[in-house]
Amino acid sequence: YYQPLVDLDTKKIVGLEALIRWIHP
């Protein structure tokens, strides 16, 4: 999953943080 990194002045997305997720069967 990816969570946006946001410029607090412009509110634009400038980057992403990758976060691992596991959906167990």
PDB file of all heavy atoms in Angstrom:
ATOM      1  N   TYR A   1       0.874  -1.165   0.000  1.00  0.00           N
ATOM      2  CA  TYR A   1       0.000   0.000   0.000  1.00  0.00           C
ATOM      3  C   TYR A   1       0.917   1.223   0.000  1.00  0.00           C
ATOM      4  O   TYR A   1       2.084   1.134   0.385  1.00  0.00           O
ATOM      5  CB  TYR A   1      -0.896   0.019   1.233  1.00  0.00           C
ATOM      6  CG  TYR A   1      -2.128  -0.855   1.134  1.00  0.00           C
ATOM      7  CD1 TYR A   1      -2.087  -2.113   0.531  1.00  0.00           C
ATOM      8  CD2 TYR A   1      -3.353  -0.425   1.644  1.00  0.00           C
ATOM      9  CE1 TYR A   1      -3.207  -2.913   0.441  1.00  0.00           C
ATOM     10  CE2 TYR A   1      -4.489  -1.213   1.570  1.00  0.00           C
ATOM     11  CZ  TYR A   1      -4.409  -2.469   0.972  1.00  0.00           C
ATOM     12  OH  TYR A   1      -5.522  -3.266   0.873  1.00  0.00           O
ATOM     13  N   TYR A   2       0.383   2.351  -0.422  1.00  0.00           N
ATOM     14  CA  TYR A   2       1.188   3.565  -0.518  1.00  0.00           C
ATOM     15  C   TYR A   2       0.451   4.721   0.156  1.00  0.00           C
ATOM     16  O   TYR A   2      -0.741   4.950  -0.099  1.00  0.00           O
ATOM     17  CB  TYR A   2       1.473   3.918  -1.981  1.00  0.00           C
ATOM     18  CG  TYR A   2       2.262   2.845  -2.706  1.00  0.00           C
ATOM     19  CD1 TYR A   2       1.600   1.784  -3.331  1.00  0.00           C
ATOM     20  CD2 TYR A   2       3.646   2.867  -2.739  1.00  0.00           C
ATOM     21  CE1 TYR A   2       2.313   0.780  -3.981  1.00  0.00           C
ATOM     22  CE2 TYR A   2       4.368   1.870  -3.398  1.00  0.00           C
ATOM     23  CZ  TYR A   2       3.692   0.829  -4.006  1.00  0.00           C
ATOM     24  OH  TYR A   2       4.399  -0.167  -4.643  1.00  0.00           O
ATOM     25  N   GLN A   3       1.184   5.429   1.040  1.00  0.00           N
ATOM     26  CA  GLN A   3       0.595   6.605   1.684  1.00  0.00           C
ATOM     27  C   GLN A   3       1.280   7.858   1.155  1.00  0.00           C
ATOM     28  O   GLN A   3       2.514   7.944   1.138  1.00  0.00           O
ATOM     29  CB  GLN A   3       0.737   6.543   3.199  1.00  0.00           C
ATOM     30  CG  GLN A   3      -0.031   7.668   3.902  1.00  0.00           C
ATOM     31  CD  GLN A   3      -0.114   7.461   5.402  1.00  0.00           C
ATOM     32  OE1 GLN A   3       0.814   6.932   6.012  1.00  0.00           O
ATOM     33  NE2 GLN A   3      -1.221   7.883   6.017  1.00  0.00           N
ATOM     34  N   PRO A   4       0.491   8.843   0.721  1.00  0.00           N
ATOM     35  CA  PRO A   4       1.074  10.057   0.130  1.00  0.00           C
ATOM     36  C   PRO A   4       1.868  10.882   1.137  1.00  0.00           C
ATOM     37  O   PRO A   4       1.529  10.957   2.318  1.00  0.00           O
ATOM     38  CB  PRO A   4      -0.150  10.840  -0.347  1.00  0.00           C
ATOM     39  CG  PRO A   4      -1.227   9.812  -0.510  1.00  0.00           C
ATOM     40  CD  PRO A   4      -0.973   8.814   0.579  1.00  0.00           C
ATOM     41  N   LEU A   5       2.939  11.494   0.632  1.00  0.00           N
ATOM     42  CA  LEU A   5       3.692  12.515   1.351  1.00  0.00           C
ATOM     43  C   LEU A   5       3.284  13.850   0.731  1.00  0.00           C
ATOM     44  O   LEU A   5       3.419  14.041  -0.490  1.00  0.00           O
ATOM     45  CB  LEU A   5       5.199  12.288   1.192  1.00  0.00           C
ATOM     46  CG  LEU A   5       5.736  10.939   1.702  1.00  0.00           C
ATOM     47  CD1 LEU A   5       7.187  10.745   1.278  1.00  0.00           C
ATOM     48  CD2 LEU A   5       5.620  10.864   3.214  1.00  0.00           C
ATOM     49  N   VAL A   6       2.808  14.764   1.551  1.00  0.00           N
ATOM     50  CA  VAL A   6       2.157  15.974   1.036  1.00  0.00           C
ATOM     51  C   VAL A   6       2.946  17.214   1.430  1.00  0.00           C
ATOM     52  O   VAL A   6       3.361  17.363   2.591  1.00  0.00           O
ATOM     53  CB  VAL A   6       0.716  16.077   1.582  1.00  0.00           C
ATOM     54  CG1 VAL A   6       0.053  17.367   1.119  1.00  0.00           C
ATOM     55  CG2 VAL A   6      -0.091  14.869   1.143  1.00  0.00           C
ATOM     56  N   ASP A   7       3.147  18.118   0.455  1.00  0.00           N
ATOM     57  CA  ASP A   7       3.725  19.433   0.741  1.00  0.00           C
ATOM     58  C   ASP A   7       2.684  20.224   1.532  1.00  0.00           C
ATOM     59  O   ASP A   7       1.571  20.466   1.045  1.00  0.00           O
ATOM     60  CB  ASP A   7       4.061  20.141  -0.568  1.00  0.00           C
ATOM     61  CG  ASP A   7       4.783  21.458  -0.350  1.00  0.00           C
ATOM     62  OD1 ASP A   7       4.270  22.298   0.421  1.00  0.00           O
ATOM     63  OD2 ASP A   7       5.851  21.660  -0.942  1.00  0.00           O
ATOM     64  N   LEU A   8       3.020  20.623   2.759  1.00  0.00           N
ATOM     65  CA  LEU A   8       2.017  21.246   3.637  1.00  0.00           C
ATOM     66  C   LEU A   8       1.600  22.628   3.154  1.00  0.00           C
ATOM     67  O   LEU A   8       0.515  23.104   3.521  1.00  0.00           O
ATOM     68  CB  LEU A   8       2.557  21.340   5.071  1.00  0.00           C
ATOM     69  CG  LEU A   8       2.890  19.992   5.745  1.00  0.00           C
ATOM     70  CD1 LEU A   8       3.248  20.202   7.203  1.00  0.00           C
ATOM     71  CD2 LEU A   8       1.719  19.017   5.633  1.00  0.00           C
ATOM     72  N   ASP A   9       2.414  23.290   2.342  1.00  0.00           N
ATOM     73  CA  ASP A   9       2.030  24.618   1.823  1.00  0.00           C
ATOM     74  C   ASP A   9       1.111  24.491   0.614  1.00  0.00           C
ATOM     75  O   ASP A   9       0.084  25.162   0.526  1.00  0.00           O
ATOM     76  CB  ASP A   9       3.284  25.417   1.447  1.00  0.00           C
ATOM     77  CG  ASP A   9       4.039  25.887   2.680  1.00  0.00           C
ATOM     78  OD1 ASP A   9       3.367  26.169   3.707  1.00  0.00           O
ATOM     79  OD2 ASP A   9       5.274  25.947   2.636  1.00  0.00           O
ATOM     80  N   THR A  10       1.476  23.616  -0.339  1.00  0.00           N
ATOM     81  CA  THR A  10       0.719  23.530  -1.589  1.00  0.00           C
ATOM     82  C   THR A  10      -0.356  22.444  -1.562  1.00  0.00           C
ATOM     83  O   THR A  10      -1.212  22.405  -2.439  1.00  0.00           O
ATOM     84  CB  THR A  10       1.677  23.230  -2.754  1.00  0.00           C
ATOM     85  OG1 THR A  10       2.246  21.931  -2.562  1.00  0.00           O
ATOM     86  CG2 THR A  10       2.783  24.275  -2.822  1.00  0.00           C
ATOM     87  N   LYS A  11      -0.297  21.556  -0.567  1.00  0.00           N
ATOM     88  CA  LYS A  11      -1.195  20.397  -0.453  1.00  0.00           C
ATOM     89  C   LYS A  11      -1.027  19.402  -1.613  1.00  0.00           C
ATOM     90  O   LYS A  11      -1.872  18.550  -1.846  1.00  0.00           O
ATOM     91  CB  LYS A  11      -2.672  20.853  -0.408  1.00  0.00           C
ATOM     92  CG  LYS A  11      -3.022  21.778   0.745  1.00  0.00           C
ATOM     93  CD  LYS A  11      -3.041  21.034   2.068  1.00  0.00           C
ATOM     94  CE  LYS A  11      -3.460  21.959   3.209  1.00  0.00           C
ATOM     95  NZ  LYS A  11      -4.865  22.343   3.142  1.00  0.00           N
ATOM     96  N   LYS A  12       0.065  19.516  -2.343  1.00  0.00           N
ATOM     97  CA  LYS A  12       0.311  18.592  -3.455  1.00  0.00           C
ATOM     98  C   LYS A  12       1.060  17.350  -2.961  1.00  0.00           C
ATOM     99  O   LYS A  12       1.880  17.425  -2.056  1.00  0.00           O
ATOM    100  CB  LYS A  12       1.141  19.269  -4.542  1.00  0.00           C
ATOM    101  CG  LYS A  12       0.385  20.346  -5.309  1.00  0.00           C
ATOM    102  CD  LYS A  12       1.254  20.928  -6.407  1.00  0.00           C
ATOM    103  CE  LYS A  12       0.492  21.983  -7.207  1.00  0.00           C
ATOM    104  NZ  LYS A  12       1.330  22.549  -8.294  1.00  0.00           N
ATOM    105  N   ILE A  13       0.763  16.225  -3.607  1.00  0.00           N
ATOM    106  CA  ILE A  13       1.475  14.979  -3.294  1.00  0.00           C
ATOM    107  C   ILE A  13       2.845  15.035  -3.960  1.00  0.00           C
ATOM    108  O   ILE A  13       2.941  15.153  -5.183  1.00  0.00           O
ATOM    109  CB  ILE A  13       0.695  13.750  -3.796  1.00  0.00           C
ATOM    110  CG1 ILE A  13      -0.662  13.652  -3.094  1.00  0.00           C
ATOM    111  CG2 ILE A  13       1.498  12.466  -3.562  1.00  0.00           C
ATOM    112  CD1 ILE A  13      -1.562  12.556  -3.632  1.00  0.00           C
ATOM    113  N   VAL A  14       3.899  14.936  -3.120  1.00  0.00           N
ATOM    114  CA  VAL A  14       5.252  15.032  -3.665  1.00  0.00           C
ATOM    115  C   VAL A  14       6.008  13.694  -3.578  1.00  0.00           C
ATOM    116  O   VAL A  14       7.071  13.543  -4.178  1.00  0.00           O
ATOM    117  CB  VAL A  14       6.065  16.119  -2.929  1.00  0.00           C
ATOM    118  CG1 VAL A  14       5.487  17.503  -3.214  1.00  0.00           C
ATOM    119  CG2 VAL A  14       6.089  15.856  -1.423  1.00  0.00           C
ATOM    120  N   GLY A  15       5.442  12.787  -2.841  1.00  0.00           N
ATOM    121  CA  GLY A  15       6.109  11.495  -2.718  1.00  0.00           C
ATOM    122  C   GLY A  15       5.193  10.465  -2.086  1.00  0.00           C
ATOM    123  O   GLY A  15       4.034  10.751  -1.739  1.00  0.00           O
ATOM    124  N   LEU A  16       5.700   9.260  -1.934  1.00  0.00           N
ATOM    125  CA  LEU A  16       4.904   8.161  -1.381  1.00  0.00           C
ATOM    126  C   LEU A  16       5.760   7.338  -0.417  1.00  0.00           C
ATOM    127  O   LEU A  16       6.975   7.226  -0.593  1.00  0.00           O
ATOM    128  CB  LEU A  16       4.410   7.240  -2.502  1.00  0.00           C
ATOM    129  CG  LEU A  16       3.603   7.883  -3.630  1.00  0.00           C
ATOM    130  CD1 LEU A  16       3.459   6.907  -4.786  1.00  0.00           C
ATOM    131  CD2 LEU A  16       2.229   8.322  -3.118  1.00  0.00           C
ATOM    132  N   GLU A  17       5.103   6.775   0.571  1.00  0.00           N
ATOM    133  CA  GLU A  17       5.768   5.800   1.434  1.00  0.00           C
ATOM    134  C   GLU A  17       5.162   4.429   1.172  1.00  0.00           C
ATOM    135  O   GLU A  17       3.933   4.264   1.208  1.00  0.00           O
ATOM    136  CB  GLU A  17       5.608   6.158   2.918  1.00  0.00           C
ATOM    137  CG  GLU A  17       6.301   5.130   3.824  1.00  0.00           C
ATOM    138  CD  GLU A  17       6.186   5.437   5.310  1.00  0.00           C
ATOM    139  OE1 GLU A  17       5.531   6.434   5.668  1.00  0.00           O
ATOM    140  OE2 GLU A  17       6.743   4.660   6.111  1.00  0.00           O
ATOM    141  N   ALA A  18       6.019   3.460   0.881  1.00  0.00           N
ATOM    142  CA  ALA A  18       5.551   2.095   0.615  1.00  0.00           C
ATOM    143  C   ALA A  18       5.386   1.356   1.938  1.00  0.00           C
ATOM    144  O   ALA A  18       6.294   1.347   2.779  1.00  0.00           O
ATOM    145  CB  ALA A  18       6.559   1.371  -0.279  1.00  0.00           C
ATOM    146  N   LEU A  19       4.222   0.730   2.124  1.00  0.00           N
ATOM    147  CA  LEU A  19       3.916   0.014   3.365  1.00  0.00           C
ATOM    148  C   LEU A  19       3.420  -1.395   3.033  1.00  0.00           C
ATOM    149  O   LEU A  19       2.480  -1.561   2.258  1.00  0.00           O
ATOM    150  CB  LEU A  19       2.841   0.766   4.161  1.00  0.00           C
ATOM    151  CG  LEU A  19       3.228   2.199   4.566  1.00  0.00           C
ATOM    152  CD1 LEU A  19       2.000   2.984   5.013  1.00  0.00           C
ATOM    153  CD2 LEU A  19       4.276   2.173   5.673  1.00  0.00           C
ATOM    154  N   ILE A  20       4.064  -2.395   3.612  1.00  0.00           N
ATOM    155  CA  ILE A  20       3.716  -3.780   3.298  1.00  0.00           C
ATOM    156  C   ILE A  20       2.404  -4.170   3.975  1.00  0.00           C
ATOM    157  O   ILE A  20       2.110  -3.756   5.101  1.00  0.00           O
ATOM    158  CB  ILE A  20       4.845  -4.751   3.717  1.00  0.00           C
ATOM    159  CG1 ILE A  20       4.571  -6.151   3.176  1.00  0.00           C
ATOM    160  CG2 ILE A  20       5.036  -4.756   5.235  1.00  0.00           C
ATOM    161  CD1 ILE A  20       5.742  -7.105   3.320  1.00  0.00           C
ATOM    162  N   ARG A  21       1.623  -4.982   3.286  1.00  0.00           N
ATOM    163  CA  ARG A  21       0.364  -5.501   3.827  1.00  0.00           C
ATOM    164  C   ARG A  21       0.299  -6.997   3.507  1.00  0.00           C
ATOM    165  O   ARG A  21       0.826  -7.459   2.505  1.00  0.00           O
ATOM    166  CB  ARG A  21      -0.847  -4.784   3.207  1.00  0.00           C
ATOM    167  CG  ARG A  21      -0.942  -3.299   3.575  1.00  0.00           C
ATOM    168  CD  ARG A  21      -1.250  -3.124   5.038  1.00  0.00           C
ATOM    169  NE  ARG A  21      -1.411  -1.734   5.428  1.00  0.00           N
ATOM    170  CZ  ARG A  21      -0.452  -0.994   5.956  1.00  0.00           C
ATOM    171  NH1 ARG A  21       0.775  -1.506   6.106  1.00  0.00           N
ATOM    172  NH2 ARG A  21      -0.678   0.253   6.315  1.00  0.00           N
ATOM    173  N   TRP A  22      -0.375  -7.735   4.398  1.00  0.00           N
ATOM    174  CA  TRP A  22      -0.505  -9.185   4.237  1.00  0.00           C
ATOM    175  C   TRP A  22      -1.954  -9.581   4.448  1.00  0.00           C
ATOM    176  O   TRP A  22      -2.485  -9.448   5.544  1.00  0.00           O
ATOM    177  CB  TRP A  22       0.397  -9.915   5.216  1.00  0.00           C
ATOM    178  CG  TRP A  22       0.395 -11.414   5.081  1.00  0.00           C
ATOM    179  CD1 TRP A  22      -0.088 -12.159   4.048  1.00  0.00           C
ATOM    180  CD2 TRP A  22       0.921 -12.347   6.032  1.00  0.00           C
ATOM    181  NE1 TRP A  22       0.095 -13.490   4.272  1.00  0.00           N
ATOM    182  CE2 TRP A  22       0.721 -13.643   5.494  1.00  0.00           C
ATOM    183  CE3 TRP A  22       1.540 -12.226   7.263  1.00  0.00           C
ATOM    184  CZ2 TRP A  22       1.099 -14.800   6.167  1.00  0.00           C
ATOM    185  CZ3 TRP A  22       1.936 -13.366   7.926  1.00  0.00           C
ATOM    186  CH2 TRP A  22       1.719 -14.653   7.386  1.00  0.00           C
ATOM    187  N   ILE A  23      -2.568 -10.035   3.393  1.00  0.00           N
ATOM    188  CA  ILE A  23      -3.927 -10.564   3.484  1.00  0.00           C
ATOM    189  C   ILE A  23      -3.809 -12.084   3.499  1.00  0.00           C
ATOM    190  O   ILE A  23      -3.642 -12.729   2.470  1.00  0.00           O
ATOM    191  CB  ILE A  23      -4.811 -10.097   2.304  1.00  0.00           C
ATOM    192  CG1 ILE A  23      -4.720  -8.587   2.131  1.00  0.00           C
ATOM    193  CG2 ILE A  23      -6.252 -10.519   2.537  1.00  0.00           C
ATOM    194  CD1 ILE A  23      -5.168  -7.797   3.338  1.00  0.00           C
ATOM    195  N   HIS A  24      -3.898 -12.657   4.692  1.00  0.00           N
ATOM    196  CA  HIS A  24      -3.726 -14.094   4.854  1.00  0.00           C
ATOM    197  C   HIS A  24      -4.968 -14.819   4.333  1.00  0.00           C
ATOM    198  O   HIS A  24      -6.097 -14.398   4.604  1.00  0.00           O
ATOM    199  CB  HIS A  24      -3.503 -14.422   6.335  1.00  0.00           C
ATOM    200  CG  HIS A  24      -3.019 -15.810   6.592  1.00  0.00           C
ATOM    201  ND1 HIS A  24      -3.874 -16.897   6.596  1.00  0.00           N
ATOM    202  CD2 HIS A  24      -1.773 -16.305   6.846  1.00  0.00           C
ATOM    203  CE1 HIS A  24      -3.179 -17.993   6.854  1.00  0.00           C
ATOM    204  NE2 HIS A  24      -1.901 -17.669   7.011  1.00  0.00           N
ATOM    205  N   PRO A  25      -4.798 -15.908   3.585  1.00  0.00           N
ATOM    206  CA  PRO A  25      -5.962 -16.605   3.015  1.00  0.00           C
ATOM    207  C   PRO A  25      -6.917 -17.162   4.076  1.00  0.00           C
ATOM    208  O   PRO A  25      -8.099 -17.350   3.796  1.00  0.00           O
ATOM    209  CB  PRO A  25      -5.325 -17.736   2.197  1.00  0.00           C
ATOM    210  CG  PRO A  25      -3.941 -17.893   2.731  1.00  0.00           C
ATOM    211  CD  PRO A  25      -3.525 -16.531   3.191  1.00  0.00           C
TER     212      PRO A  25
END
